[in-house]
C-alpha atoms as a PDB file:
ATOM      1  CA  UNK A   1       0.722 -39.880  -4.706  1.00  0.00           C
ATOM      2  CA  UNK A   2       1.036 -38.196  -8.117  1.00  0.00           C
ATOM      3  CA  UNK A   3       1.619 -34.549  -8.854  1.00  0.00           C
ATOM      4  CA  UNK A   4       0.689 -32.923 -12.094  1.00  0.00           C
ATOM      5  CA  UNK A   5       3.246 -30.294 -13.006  1.00  0.00           C
ATOM      6  CA  UNK A   6       3.032 -28.004 -15.970  1.00  0.00           C
ATOM      7  CA  UNK A   7       6.106 -26.367 -17.350  1.00  0.00           C
ATOM      8  CA  UNK A   8       5.638 -22.682 -18.026  1.00  0.00           C
ATOM      9  CA  UNK A   9       7.844 -20.890 -20.484  1.00  0.00           C
ATOM     10  CA  UNK A  10       8.439 -17.215 -19.783  1.00  0.00           C
ATOM     11  CA  UNK A  11      10.443 -14.664 -21.673  1.00  0.00           C
ATOM     12  CA  UNK A  12      12.325 -12.359 -19.348  1.00  0.00           C
ATOM     13  CA  UNK A  13      14.392  -9.571 -20.896  1.00  0.00           C
ATOM     14  CA  UNK A  14      14.408 -11.433 -24.188  1.00  0.00           C
ATOM     15  CA  UNK A  15      15.669 -14.697 -22.668  1.00  0.00           C
ATOM     16  CA  UNK A  16      13.678 -17.918 -22.538  1.00  0.00           C
ATOM     17  CA  UNK A  17      13.190 -18.975 -18.913  1.00  0.00           C
ATOM     18  CA  UNK A  18      11.517 -22.286 -18.056  1.00  0.00           C
ATOM     19  CA  UNK A  19       9.882 -22.777 -14.686  1.00  0.00           C
ATOM     20  CA  UNK A  20       8.569 -26.011 -13.286  1.00  0.00           C
ATOM     21  CA  UNK A  21       8.658 -27.849  -9.990  1.00  0.00           C
ATOM     22  CA  UNK A  22      11.695 -29.848 -11.166  1.00  0.00           C
ATOM     23  CA  UNK A  23      13.665 -26.700 -11.912  1.00  0.00           C
ATOM     24  CA  UNK A  24      12.689 -25.152  -8.596  1.00  0.00           C
ATOM     25  CA  UNK A  25      13.663 -28.284  -6.629  1.00  0.00           C
ATOM     26  CA  UNK A  26      17.015 -28.357  -8.445  1.00  0.00           C
ATOM     27  CA  UNK A  27      17.571 -24.748  -7.446  1.00  0.00           C
ATOM     28  CA  UNK A  28      17.146 -23.439 -10.995  1.00  0.00           C
ATOM     29  CA  UNK A  29      14.955 -20.403 -10.372  1.00  0.00           C
ATOM     30  CA  UNK A  30      13.978 -17.646 -12.731  1.00  0.00           C
ATOM     31  CA  UNK A  31      16.830 -15.182 -12.424  1.00  0.00           C
ATOM     32  CA  UNK A  32      15.174 -11.847 -11.739  1.00  0.00           C
ATOM     33  CA  UNK A  33      18.227 -10.403 -10.043  1.00  0.00           C
ATOM     34  CA  UNK A  34      20.133  -9.857 -13.274  1.00  0.00           C
ATOM     35  CA  UNK A  35      19.330  -6.313 -14.214  1.00  0.00           C
ATOM     36  CA  UNK A  36      16.969  -4.221 -12.137  1.00  0.00           C
ATOM     37  CA  UNK A  37      13.910  -6.465 -11.843  1.00  0.00           C
ATOM     38  CA  UNK A  38      13.316  -8.114  -8.466  1.00  0.00           C
ATOM     39  CA  UNK A  39       9.834  -9.521  -7.957  1.00  0.00           C
ATOM     40  CA  UNK A  40       8.482 -10.796  -4.655  1.00  0.00           C
ATOM     41  CA  UNK A  41       5.036 -12.392  -4.547  1.00  0.00           C
ATOM     42  CA  UNK A  42       2.604 -13.162  -1.738  1.00  0.00           C
ATOM     43  CA  UNK A  43       0.335 -15.580  -3.591  1.00  0.00           C
ATOM     44  CA  UNK A  44      -3.372 -16.390  -3.500  1.00  0.00           C
ATOM     45  CA  UNK A  45      -4.588 -18.346  -0.476  1.00  0.00           C
ATOM     46  CA  UNK A  46      -1.596 -17.246   1.578  1.00  0.00           C
ATOM     47  CA  UNK A  47      -1.471 -15.014   4.638  1.00  0.00           C
ATOM     48  CA  UNK A  48       1.567 -13.142   5.917  1.00  0.00           C
ATOM     49  CA  UNK A  49       1.557 -11.630   9.408  1.00  0.00           C
ATOM     50  CA  UNK A  50       4.264  -9.086  10.141  1.00  0.00           C
ATOM     51  CA  UNK A  51       5.942  -6.131   8.490  1.00  0.00           C
ATOM     52  CA  UNK A  52       7.488  -6.431   5.014  1.00  0.00           C
ATOM     53  CA  UNK A  53      10.406  -4.394   3.687  1.00  0.00           C
ATOM     54  CA  UNK A  54      11.156  -4.916  -0.002  1.00  0.00           C
ATOM     55  CA  UNK A  55      13.110  -3.704  -3.015  1.00  0.00           C
ATOM     56  CA  UNK A  56      12.088  -4.011  -6.655  1.00  0.00           C
ATOM     57  CA  UNK A  57       8.467  -5.115  -7.028  1.00  0.00           C
ATOM     58  CA  UNK A  58       6.155  -6.656  -4.447  1.00  0.00           C
ATOM     59  CA  UNK A  59       2.905  -8.202  -5.685  1.00  0.00           C
ATOM     60  CA  UNK A  60       0.332  -9.245  -3.095  1.00  0.00           C
ATOM     61  CA  UNK A  61      -2.477 -11.583  -4.143  1.00  0.00           C
ATOM     62  CA  UNK A  62      -3.125 -12.952  -0.652  1.00  0.00           C
ATOM     63  CA  UNK A  63      -3.423 -11.296   2.761  1.00  0.00           C
ATOM     64  CA  UNK A  64      -0.792  -9.243   4.578  1.00  0.00           C
ATOM     65  CA  UNK A  65      -1.428  -8.215   8.193  1.00  0.00           C
ATOM     66  CA  UNK A  66       1.280  -5.670   8.862  1.00  0.00           C
ATOM     67  CA  UNK A  67       2.972  -2.647   7.342  1.00  0.00           C
ATOM     68  CA  UNK A  68       4.631  -2.762   3.937  1.00  0.00           C
ATOM     69  CA  UNK A  69       7.504  -0.464   3.060  1.00  0.00           C
ATOM     70  CA  UNK A  70      10.373  -0.251   0.655  1.00  0.00           C
ATOM     71  CA  UNK A  71      14.006   0.457   1.263  1.00  0.00           C
ATOM     72  CA  UNK A  72      15.577   3.502  -0.356  1.00  0.00           C
ATOM     73  CA  UNK A  73      14.748   2.076  -3.811  1.00  0.00           C
ATOM     74  CA  UNK A  74      13.202   4.967  -5.755  1.00  0.00           C
ATOM     75  CA  UNK A  75      11.993   2.620  -8.511  1.00  0.00           C
ATOM     76  CA  UNK A  76      10.210   0.209  -6.149  1.00  0.00           C
ATOM     77  CA  UNK A  77       6.663  -0.756  -7.005  1.00  0.00           C
ATOM     78  CA  UNK A  78       3.902  -2.263  -4.877  1.00  0.00           C
ATOM     79  CA  UNK A  79       1.020  -4.054  -6.633  1.00  0.00           C
ATOM     80  CA  UNK A  80      -2.063  -5.229  -4.766  1.00  0.00           C
ATOM     81  CA  UNK A  81      -3.982  -7.785  -6.807  1.00  0.00           C
ATOM     82  CA  UNK A  82      -7.793  -7.800  -7.003  1.00  0.00           C
ATOM     83  CA  UNK A  83      -7.936 -10.665  -4.465  1.00  0.00           C
ATOM     84  CA  UNK A  84      -5.328  -9.056  -2.208  1.00  0.00           C
ATOM     85  CA  UNK A  85      -5.903  -7.582   1.251  1.00  0.00           C
ATOM     86  CA  UNK A  86      -3.492  -5.450   3.287  1.00  0.00           C
ATOM     87  CA  UNK A  87      -4.278  -4.628   6.908  1.00  0.00           C
ATOM     88  CA  UNK A  88      -1.612  -2.017   7.608  1.00  0.00           C
ATOM     89  CA  UNK A  89       0.150   0.953   6.051  1.00  0.00           C
ATOM     90  CA  UNK A  90       1.813   0.845   2.627  1.00  0.00           C
ATOM     91  CA  UNK A  91       4.863   3.006   1.857  1.00  0.00           C
ATOM     92  CA  UNK A  92       6.386   2.813  -1.640  1.00  0.00           C
ATOM     93  CA  UNK A  93       7.265   5.215  -4.457  1.00  0.00           C
ATOM     94  CA  UNK A  94       4.894   3.544  -6.949  1.00  0.00           C
ATOM     95  CA  UNK A  95       1.668   1.909  -5.778  1.00  0.00           C
ATOM     96  CA  UNK A  96      -0.999   0.149  -7.872  1.00  0.00           C
ATOM     97  CA  UNK A  97      -4.110  -0.996  -6.009  1.00  0.00           C
ATOM     98  CA  UNK A  98      -6.712  -3.452  -7.275  1.00  0.00           C
ATOM     99  CA  UNK A  99      -7.699  -4.960  -3.912  1.00  0.00           C
ATOM    100  CA  UNK A 100      -8.500  -3.841  -0.348  1.00  0.00           C
ATOM    101  CA  UNK A 101      -6.322  -1.761   1.985  1.00  0.00           C
ATOM    102  CA  UNK A 102      -7.192  -1.064   5.623  1.00  0.00           C
ATOM    103  CA  UNK A 103      -4.533   1.523   6.415  1.00  0.00           C
ATOM    104  CA  UNK A 104      -2.786   4.559   4.968  1.00  0.00           C
ATOM    105  CA  UNK A 105      -1.062   4.544   1.575  1.00  0.00           C
ATOM    106  CA  UNK A 106       2.127   6.652   1.285  1.00  0.00           C
ATOM    107  CA  UNK A 107       3.725   7.261  -2.099  1.00  0.00           C
ATOM    108  CA  UNK A 108       6.540   9.604  -3.060  1.00  0.00           C
ATOM    109  CA  UNK A 109       5.733   9.210  -6.740  1.00  0.00           C
ATOM    110  CA  UNK A 110       2.572   7.650  -8.198  1.00  0.00           C
ATOM    111  CA  UNK A 111      -0.560   5.952  -6.866  1.00  0.00           C
ATOM    112  CA  UNK A 112      -2.947   4.158  -9.225  1.00  0.00           C
ATOM    113  CA  UNK A 113      -6.271   3.137  -7.669  1.00  0.00           C
ATOM    114  CA  UNK A 114      -8.119   0.771  -9.982  1.00  0.00           C
ATOM    115  CA  UNK A 115     -11.917   0.402 -10.199  1.00  0.00           C
ATOM    116  CA  UNK A 116     -11.954  -2.718  -7.976  1.00  0.00           C
ATOM    117  CA  UNK A 117      -9.931  -1.119  -5.156  1.00  0.00           C
ATOM    118  CA  UNK A 118     -11.213  -0.254  -1.682  1.00  0.00           C
ATOM    119  CA  UNK A 119      -9.002   1.907   0.548  1.00  0.00           C
ATOM    120  CA  UNK A 120      -9.988   2.639   4.141  1.00  0.00           C
ATOM    121  CA  UNK A 121      -7.410   5.230   5.156  1.00  0.00           C
ATOM    122  CA  UNK A 122      -5.613   8.276   3.816  1.00  0.00           C
ATOM    123  CA  UNK A 123      -3.754   8.285   0.497  1.00  0.00           C
ATOM    124  CA  UNK A 124      -0.597  10.432   0.253  1.00  0.00           C
ATOM    125  CA  UNK A 125       0.601  10.890  -3.341  1.00  0.00           C
ATOM    126  CA  UNK A 126       2.456  13.060  -5.847  1.00  0.00           C
ATOM    127  CA  UNK A 127       0.589  11.786  -8.937  1.00  0.00           C
ATOM    128  CA  UNK A 128      -2.818  10.136  -8.546  1.00  0.00           C
ATOM    129  CA  UNK A 129      -4.574   7.933 -11.087  1.00  0.00           C
ATOM    130  CA  UNK A 130      -8.038   6.918  -9.865  1.00  0.00           C
ATOM    131  CA  UNK A 131     -10.450   4.883 -11.953  1.00  0.00           C
ATOM    132  CA  UNK A 132     -14.244   5.059 -11.817  1.00  0.00           C
ATOM    133  CA  UNK A 133     -15.660   2.661  -9.245  1.00  0.00           C
ATOM    134  CA  UNK A 134     -12.676   2.899  -6.899  1.00  0.00           C
ATOM    135  CA  UNK A 135     -13.540   3.627  -3.267  1.00  0.00           C
ATOM    136  CA  UNK A 136     -11.435   5.644  -0.826  1.00  0.00           C
ATOM    137  CA  UNK A 137     -12.798   6.071   2.694  1.00  0.00           C
ATOM    138  CA  UNK A 138     -10.295   8.666   3.848  1.00  0.00           C
ATOM    139  CA  UNK A 139      -8.498  11.741   2.568  1.00  0.00           C
ATOM    140  CA  UNK A 140      -6.536  12.194  -0.640  1.00  0.00           C
ATOM    141  CA  UNK A 141      -3.505  14.312   0.276  1.00  0.00           C
ATOM    142  CA  UNK A 142      -1.059  15.559  -2.338  1.00  0.00           C
ATOM    143  CA  UNK A 143       2.568  15.517  -1.171  1.00  0.00           C
ATOM    144  CA  UNK A 144       3.763  18.306  -3.484  1.00  0.00           C
ATOM    145  CA  UNK A 145       7.367  17.155  -3.062  1.00  0.00           C
ATOM    146  CA  UNK A 146       7.139  16.684   0.710  1.00  0.00           C
ATOM    147  CA  UNK A 147       7.546  13.389   2.474  1.00  0.00           C
ATOM    148  CA  UNK A 148       4.343  11.611   3.399  1.00  0.00           C
ATOM    149  CA  UNK A 149       5.371  11.171   7.052  1.00  0.00           C
ATOM    150  CA  UNK A 150       5.622  14.935   7.578  1.00  0.00           C
ATOM    151  CA  UNK A 151       2.238  15.469   5.956  1.00  0.00           C
ATOM    152  CA  UNK A 152       0.642  12.860   8.208  1.00  0.00           C
ATOM    153  CA  UNK A 153       2.084  14.512  11.327  1.00  0.00           C
ATOM    154  CA  UNK A 154       0.795  17.902  10.113  1.00  0.00           C
ATOM    155  CA  UNK A 155      -2.666  16.444   9.391  1.00  0.00           C
ATOM    156  CA  UNK A 156      -2.833  14.874  12.866  1.00  0.00           C
ATOM    157  CA  UNK A 157      -1.646  18.127  14.481  1.00  0.00           C
ATOM    158  CA  UNK A 158      -4.300  20.139  12.588  1.00  0.00           C
ATOM    159  CA  UNK A 159      -6.947  17.617  13.647  1.00  0.00           C
ATOM    160  CA  UNK A 160      -5.874  17.862  17.311  1.00  0.00           C
ATOM    161  CA  UNK A 161      -5.952  21.681  17.138  1.00  0.00           C
ATOM    162  CA  UNK A 162      -9.504  21.602  15.731  1.00  0.00           C
ATOM    163  CA  UNK A 163     -10.625  19.294  18.533  1.00  0.00           C
ATOM    164  CA  UNK A 164      -9.071  21.579  21.173  1.00  0.00           C
ATOM    165  CA  UNK A 165     -10.697  24.648  19.587  1.00  0.00           C
ATOM    166  CA  UNK A 166     -14.121  23.003  19.499  1.00  0.00           C
ATOM    167  CA  UNK A 167     -13.668  21.890  23.127  1.00  0.00           C
ATOM    168  CA  UNK A 168     -12.812  25.491  24.116  1.00  0.00           C
ATOM    169  CA  UNK A 169     -15.909  26.809  22.296  1.00  0.00           C
ATOM    170  CA  UNK A 170     -18.129  24.241  24.013  1.00  0.00           C
ATOM    171  CA  UNK A 171     -16.739  25.073  27.459  1.00  0.00           C
ATOM    172  CA  UNK A 172     -17.182  28.844  26.925  1.00  0.00           C
ATOM    173  CA  UNK A 173     -20.747  28.227  25.737  1.00  0.00           C
ATOM    174  CA  UNK A 174     -21.486  26.173  28.845  1.00  0.00           C
ATOM    175  CA  UNK A 175     -19.875  28.823  31.065  1.00  0.00           C
ATOM    176  CA  UNK A 176     -22.086  31.527  29.544  1.00  0.00           C
ATOM    177  CA  UNK A 177     -25.203  29.426  30.237  1.00  0.00           C
ATOM    178  CA  UNK A 178     -24.060  28.887  33.834  1.00  0.00           C
ATOM    179  CA  UNK A 179     -23.489  32.646  34.285  1.00  0.00           C
ATOM    180  CA  UNK A 180     -27.033  33.418  33.016  1.00  0.00           C
ATOM    181  CA  UNK A 181     -28.540  31.014  35.522  1.00  0.00           C
ATOM    182  CA  UNK A 182     -26.872  32.800  38.468  1.00  0.00           C
END
Protein backbone atom coordinates (compact mmCIF):
# COMPACT_ATOMS: atom_id res chain seq x y z
CA UNK A 1 0.00 0.00 0.00
CA UNK A 2 1.45 3.37 -1.04
CA UNK A 3 0.44 6.80 0.16
CA UNK A 4 1.06 9.93 -1.78
CA UNK A 5 1.87 12.78 0.57
CA UNK A 6 2.43 16.34 -0.46
CA UNK A 7 4.33 18.70 1.75
CA UNK A 8 2.62 22.04 2.16
CA UNK A 9 4.59 25.08 3.16
CA UNK A 10 2.68 27.69 5.14
CA UNK A 11 3.79 31.01 6.51
CA UNK A 12 2.35 31.66 9.94
CA UNK A 13 3.17 34.97 11.62
CA UNK A 14 6.14 35.38 9.31
CA UNK A 15 7.60 31.94 10.10
CA UNK A 16 7.92 29.11 7.60
CA UNK A 17 5.91 26.11 8.81
CA UNK A 18 6.02 22.81 6.91
CA UNK A 19 3.19 20.33 7.25
CA UNK A 20 3.14 16.80 5.95
CA UNK A 21 2.08 13.40 7.20
CA UNK A 22 5.65 12.69 8.36
CA UNK A 23 5.74 15.81 10.49
CA UNK A 24 2.33 15.06 11.96
CA UNK A 25 3.27 11.45 12.80
CA UNK A 26 6.47 12.70 14.46
CA UNK A 27 4.39 15.08 16.55
CA UNK A 28 5.66 18.17 14.74
CA UNK A 29 2.43 20.11 14.28
CA UNK A 30 1.92 23.64 13.11
CA UNK A 31 2.23 25.66 16.29
CA UNK A 32 -0.86 27.84 16.38
CA UNK A 33 -0.77 28.25 20.13
CA UNK A 34 2.11 30.71 20.10
CA UNK A 35 0.43 34.07 20.06
CA UNK A 36 -3.33 34.38 19.94
CA UNK A 37 -4.25 32.17 16.99
CA UNK A 38 -5.88 28.82 17.79
CA UNK A 39 -7.61 27.13 14.88
CA UNK A 40 -9.83 24.08 15.16
CA UNK A 41 -11.20 22.47 12.00
CA UNK A 42 -14.02 20.03 11.33
CA UNK A 43 -13.05 18.99 7.80
CA UNK A 44 -14.96 18.01 4.67
CA UNK A 45 -16.59 14.57 4.71
CA UNK A 46 -16.59 14.49 8.50
CA UNK A 47 -19.51 14.52 10.90
CA UNK A 48 -19.39 15.51 14.56
CA UNK A 49 -22.30 14.70 16.87
CA UNK A 50 -22.38 16.53 20.18
CA UNK A 51 -21.81 20.00 21.55
CA UNK A 52 -18.58 21.90 20.84
CA UNK A 53 -17.00 24.54 23.07
CA UNK A 54 -14.01 26.32 21.55
CA UNK A 55 -11.57 29.20 21.88
CA UNK A 56 -9.79 31.00 19.05
CA UNK A 57 -11.21 30.06 15.65
CA UNK A 58 -13.44 27.13 14.71
CA UNK A 59 -13.88 26.37 11.01
CA UNK A 60 -16.53 23.83 10.02
CA UNK A 61 -16.42 22.34 6.53
CA UNK A 62 -18.29 19.15 7.44
CA UNK A 63 -21.40 18.48 9.52
CA UNK A 64 -21.94 19.27 13.19
CA UNK A 65 -25.07 17.95 14.92
CA UNK A 66 -25.11 19.82 18.20
CA UNK A 67 -24.65 23.28 19.67
CA UNK A 68 -21.48 25.29 19.15
CA UNK A 69 -20.34 27.87 21.67
CA UNK A 70 -17.22 29.65 22.73
CA UNK A 71 -15.74 30.14 26.14
CA UNK A 72 -15.30 33.66 27.47
CA UNK A 73 -12.96 34.46 24.54
CA UNK A 74 -14.15 37.82 23.19
CA UNK A 75 -12.01 37.44 20.05
CA UNK A 76 -13.35 33.98 19.14
CA UNK A 77 -14.50 33.44 15.59
CA UNK A 78 -16.74 30.78 14.06
CA UNK A 79 -16.52 30.14 10.30
CA UNK A 80 -18.96 27.88 8.49
CA UNK A 81 -17.59 26.85 5.10
CA UNK A 82 -19.78 26.68 1.98
CA UNK A 83 -20.00 22.87 2.33
CA UNK A 84 -20.61 23.05 6.08
CA UNK A 85 -23.83 22.18 7.91
CA UNK A 86 -24.68 22.90 11.55
CA UNK A 87 -27.81 21.40 13.10
CA UNK A 88 -27.92 23.30 16.39
CA UNK A 89 -27.37 26.74 17.87
CA UNK A 90 -24.19 28.77 17.34
CA UNK A 91 -22.94 31.19 20.02
CA UNK A 92 -19.76 33.18 19.31
CA UNK A 93 -18.69 36.83 19.26
CA UNK A 94 -17.76 36.76 15.55
CA UNK A 95 -19.63 34.51 13.11
CA UNK A 96 -19.08 34.11 9.35
CA UNK A 97 -21.55 31.88 7.53
CA UNK A 98 -21.12 30.43 4.04
CA UNK A 99 -23.05 27.18 4.57
CA UNK A 100 -26.29 25.95 6.17
CA UNK A 101 -27.44 26.43 9.77
CA UNK A 102 -30.57 24.82 11.22
CA UNK A 103 -30.73 26.64 14.54
CA UNK A 104 -30.29 30.07 16.10
CA UNK A 105 -27.14 32.16 15.66
CA UNK A 106 -26.07 34.27 18.68
CA UNK A 107 -23.32 36.85 18.34
CA UNK A 108 -22.18 39.51 20.78
CA UNK A 109 -20.20 41.28 18.08
CA UNK A 110 -20.45 40.64 14.32
CA UNK A 111 -22.33 38.26 12.03
CA UNK A 112 -21.43 38.01 8.34
CA UNK A 113 -23.90 36.03 6.22
CA UNK A 114 -22.42 35.33 2.80
CA UNK A 115 -24.41 34.88 -0.43
CA UNK A 116 -24.25 31.05 -0.25
CA UNK A 117 -25.56 30.85 3.34
CA UNK A 118 -28.91 29.43 4.43
CA UNK A 119 -30.02 30.05 8.03
CA UNK A 120 -33.20 28.47 9.37
CA UNK A 121 -33.55 30.17 12.75
CA UNK A 122 -33.15 33.54 14.40
CA UNK A 123 -29.98 35.62 14.12
CA UNK A 124 -28.98 37.73 17.15
CA UNK A 125 -26.26 40.28 16.34
CA UNK A 126 -24.67 43.64 17.15
CA UNK A 127 -23.26 44.27 13.65
CA UNK A 128 -24.75 42.46 10.65
CA UNK A 129 -23.16 42.03 7.24
CA UNK A 130 -25.51 40.24 4.83
CA UNK A 131 -24.67 39.63 1.19
CA UNK A 132 -27.15 39.42 -1.68
CA UNK A 133 -28.41 35.88 -2.18
CA UNK A 134 -28.16 34.92 1.49
CA UNK A 135 -31.29 33.33 2.96
CA UNK A 136 -32.52 33.69 6.53
CA UNK A 137 -35.73 31.89 7.45
CA UNK A 138 -36.22 33.50 10.84
CA UNK A 139 -35.87 36.86 12.54
CA UNK A 140 -32.92 39.24 12.53
CA UNK A 141 -32.70 40.64 16.07
CA UNK A 142 -30.22 43.36 17.00
CA UNK A 143 -28.71 42.91 20.47
CA UNK A 144 -27.95 46.60 21.06
CA UNK A 145 -25.45 45.69 23.77
CA UNK A 146 -27.68 43.09 25.44
CA UNK A 147 -26.87 39.43 25.68
CA UNK A 148 -28.50 37.21 23.08
CA UNK A 149 -29.91 34.80 25.69
CA UNK A 150 -31.96 37.56 27.33
CA UNK A 151 -33.29 38.69 23.97
CA UNK A 152 -34.34 35.15 23.09
CA UNK A 153 -36.22 34.78 26.39
CA UNK A 154 -37.94 38.13 25.78
CA UNK A 155 -38.88 37.12 22.21
CA UNK A 156 -40.34 33.81 23.43
CA UNK A 157 -42.24 35.59 26.23
CA UNK A 158 -43.69 38.13 23.75
CA UNK A 159 -44.69 35.28 21.44
CA UNK A 160 -46.42 33.42 24.30
CA UNK A 161 -48.27 36.60 25.33
CA UNK A 162 -49.52 37.10 21.76
CA UNK A 163 -50.78 33.52 21.64
CA UNK A 164 -52.61 33.94 24.97
CA UNK A 165 -54.15 37.23 23.80
CA UNK A 166 -55.36 35.70 20.53
CA UNK A 167 -56.76 32.72 22.47
CA UNK A 168 -58.65 35.12 24.78
CA UNK A 169 -60.07 37.02 21.78
CA UNK A 170 -61.20 33.78 20.14
CA UNK A 171 -62.89 32.54 23.32
CA UNK A 172 -64.72 35.88 23.85
CA UNK A 173 -65.84 35.81 20.21
CA UNK A 174 -67.19 32.28 20.64
CA UNK A 175 -68.90 33.25 23.91
CA UNK A 176 -70.66 36.16 22.19
CA UNK A 177 -71.93 33.83 19.44
CA UNK A 178 -73.18 31.38 22.08
CA UNK A 179 -74.99 34.20 23.94
CA UNK A 180 -76.75 35.31 20.70
CA UNK A 181 -78.01 31.79 20.09
CA UNK A 182 -79.71 31.64 23.52
